[in-house]
Protein backbone atom coordinates (compact mmCIF):
# COMPACT_ATOMS: atom_id res chain seq x y z
CA MET A 1 -7.03 75.14 -18.91
CA ALA A 2 -7.54 76.61 -15.39
CA LYS A 3 -10.98 77.58 -16.39
CA ASN A 4 -11.80 74.03 -17.39
CA LEU A 5 -10.63 72.75 -14.06
CA GLU A 6 -12.52 75.37 -12.20
CA ILE A 7 -15.84 74.68 -13.99
CA SER A 8 -15.33 70.90 -13.58
CA LEU A 9 -14.85 71.41 -9.85
CA LEU A 10 -17.87 73.68 -9.65
CA LEU A 11 -19.90 71.21 -11.50
CA ASP A 12 -18.98 68.67 -8.81
CA PHE A 13 -20.28 70.95 -6.16
CA TYR A 14 -23.30 72.57 -7.72
CA GLY A 15 -24.15 70.40 -10.80
CA ASP A 16 -27.36 69.16 -9.28
CA MET A 17 -28.64 72.80 -9.07
CA LEU A 18 -28.53 73.09 -12.81
CA THR A 19 -31.28 71.92 -15.20
CA ASP A 20 -30.68 68.38 -16.71
CA LYS A 21 -30.09 69.96 -19.98
CA GLN A 22 -27.46 72.43 -18.73
CA HIS A 23 -25.86 69.72 -16.61
CA ASP A 24 -25.61 67.34 -19.62
CA VAL A 25 -24.27 69.98 -21.95
CA ILE A 26 -21.64 71.35 -19.63
CA GLU A 27 -20.63 67.82 -18.60
CA TYR A 28 -20.09 66.95 -22.28
CA TYR A 29 -18.16 70.10 -22.95
CA TYR A 30 -15.90 70.23 -19.91
CA ASN A 31 -15.53 66.63 -18.70
CA GLU A 32 -15.91 64.64 -21.92
CA ASP A 33 -14.25 67.25 -24.12
CA LEU A 34 -16.82 67.11 -26.80
CA SER A 35 -17.08 69.89 -29.36
CA LEU A 36 -20.06 72.30 -29.64
CA SER A 37 -20.98 70.49 -32.93
CA GLU A 38 -20.77 67.02 -31.37
CA ILE A 39 -22.93 68.09 -28.35
CA ALA A 40 -25.39 69.75 -30.69
CA ASP A 41 -25.75 66.54 -32.77
CA ASN A 42 -26.14 64.48 -29.52
CA GLN A 43 -28.78 66.87 -28.04
CA GLY A 44 -30.61 67.71 -31.23
CA ILE A 45 -30.05 71.50 -30.96
CA THR A 46 -28.03 74.01 -32.70
CA ARG A 47 -24.31 74.88 -31.95
CA GLN A 48 -25.58 78.27 -30.87
CA GLY A 49 -27.99 76.65 -28.53
CA VAL A 50 -25.26 74.48 -27.00
CA ARG A 51 -23.02 77.57 -26.51
CA ASP A 52 -25.86 79.61 -24.93
CA SER A 53 -26.62 76.73 -22.53
CA ILE A 54 -22.88 76.39 -21.57
CA LYS A 55 -22.64 80.13 -20.92
CA ARG A 56 -25.75 80.11 -18.72
CA ALA A 57 -24.61 77.17 -16.77
CA GLU A 58 -21.14 78.70 -16.31
CA PHE A 59 -22.66 81.88 -15.03
CA GLN A 60 -24.83 79.99 -12.60
CA LEU A 61 -22.00 77.84 -11.33
CA LEU A 62 -19.84 80.90 -10.78
CA ASP A 63 -22.68 82.77 -9.10
CA MET A 64 -23.35 79.86 -6.75
CA GLU A 65 -19.68 79.74 -5.85
CA GLU A 66 -19.68 83.44 -5.22
CA ARG A 67 -22.59 83.23 -2.90
CA LEU A 68 -21.84 79.81 -1.17
CA GLY A 69 -18.10 79.42 -1.48
CA LEU A 70 -18.10 75.75 -1.05
CA ALA A 71 -15.33 74.90 -3.58
CA ARG A 72 -13.17 77.74 -2.10
CA ARG A 73 -13.58 76.39 1.37
CA PHE A 74 -12.84 72.85 0.11
CA ARG A 75 -9.55 74.11 -1.47
CA GLU A 76 -8.70 75.92 1.78
CA MET A 77 -9.38 72.91 3.99
CA ARG A 78 -7.32 70.62 1.70
CA ASN A 79 -4.44 73.02 1.66
CA GLY A 80 -4.62 73.25 5.46
CA LEU A 81 -4.55 69.49 5.71
CA GLU A 82 -1.56 69.26 3.56
CA GLN A 83 0.24 71.79 5.71
CA ILE A 84 -0.68 69.81 8.83
CA TYR A 85 0.55 66.64 7.17
CA ASN A 86 3.89 68.22 6.25
CA ALA A 87 4.35 69.73 9.76
CA ALA A 88 3.65 66.30 11.38
CA SER A 89 6.16 64.72 8.95
CA GLU A 90 8.82 67.38 10.08
CA ILE A 91 8.09 66.70 13.73
CA LYS A 92 8.67 63.00 13.15
CA GLU A 93 11.92 63.65 11.41
CA TYR A 94 13.12 66.10 14.10
CA ASN A 95 12.11 63.63 16.83
CA LYS A 96 14.04 60.84 15.11
CA HIS A 97 17.24 62.74 14.80
CA HIS A 98 17.36 64.89 17.95
CA ILE A 99 15.35 63.81 20.99
CA TYR A 100 13.34 60.74 20.60
CA SER A 101 10.01 60.61 22.39
CA LYS A 102 7.68 57.72 21.91
CA GLU A 103 4.76 59.94 22.82
CA LEU A 104 5.67 62.54 20.29
CA GLU A 105 6.12 59.83 17.70
CA ASN A 106 2.70 58.41 18.43
CA ASN A 107 0.98 61.75 18.23
CA ALA A 108 2.71 62.70 15.01
CA ASP A 109 1.63 59.30 13.55
CA LYS A 110 -2.04 59.97 14.58
CA ILE A 111 -1.90 63.40 12.97
CA LEU A 112 -0.40 62.02 9.74
CA GLU A 113 -3.00 59.32 9.55
CA ILE A 114 -6.00 61.49 10.19
CA SER A 115 -4.77 64.20 7.76
CA GLN A 116 -4.13 61.56 5.06
CA LYS A 117 -7.55 60.05 5.34
CA LEU A 118 -9.20 63.54 5.25
CA CYS A 119 -7.26 64.36 2.02
CA GLU A 120 -8.49 61.23 0.23
């Protein structure tokens, strides 16, 4: 299951760099959950041709990620934004129960708002 999610994510980042045929086949297989036989029938090729196309596309997607690291960087930034959001929430909670500062409250609200927008 994790491989399916990884390939789907890589397809979002690098799918335009694949051939149209490779993109369609891997899209059908990973995102639309079609079988090799169903894809072969739709594309007018053999099951082995579908499998080969999927394997080549997977290799290219993984190679592009290894070289460029865009999906890794995206995950790191998203994780960092979630940590920022959680820290700002904790600051607001501490401020509310210990020493209330309007300025601190406003700044925490800004951080929460910005980090939430960037995570969408």
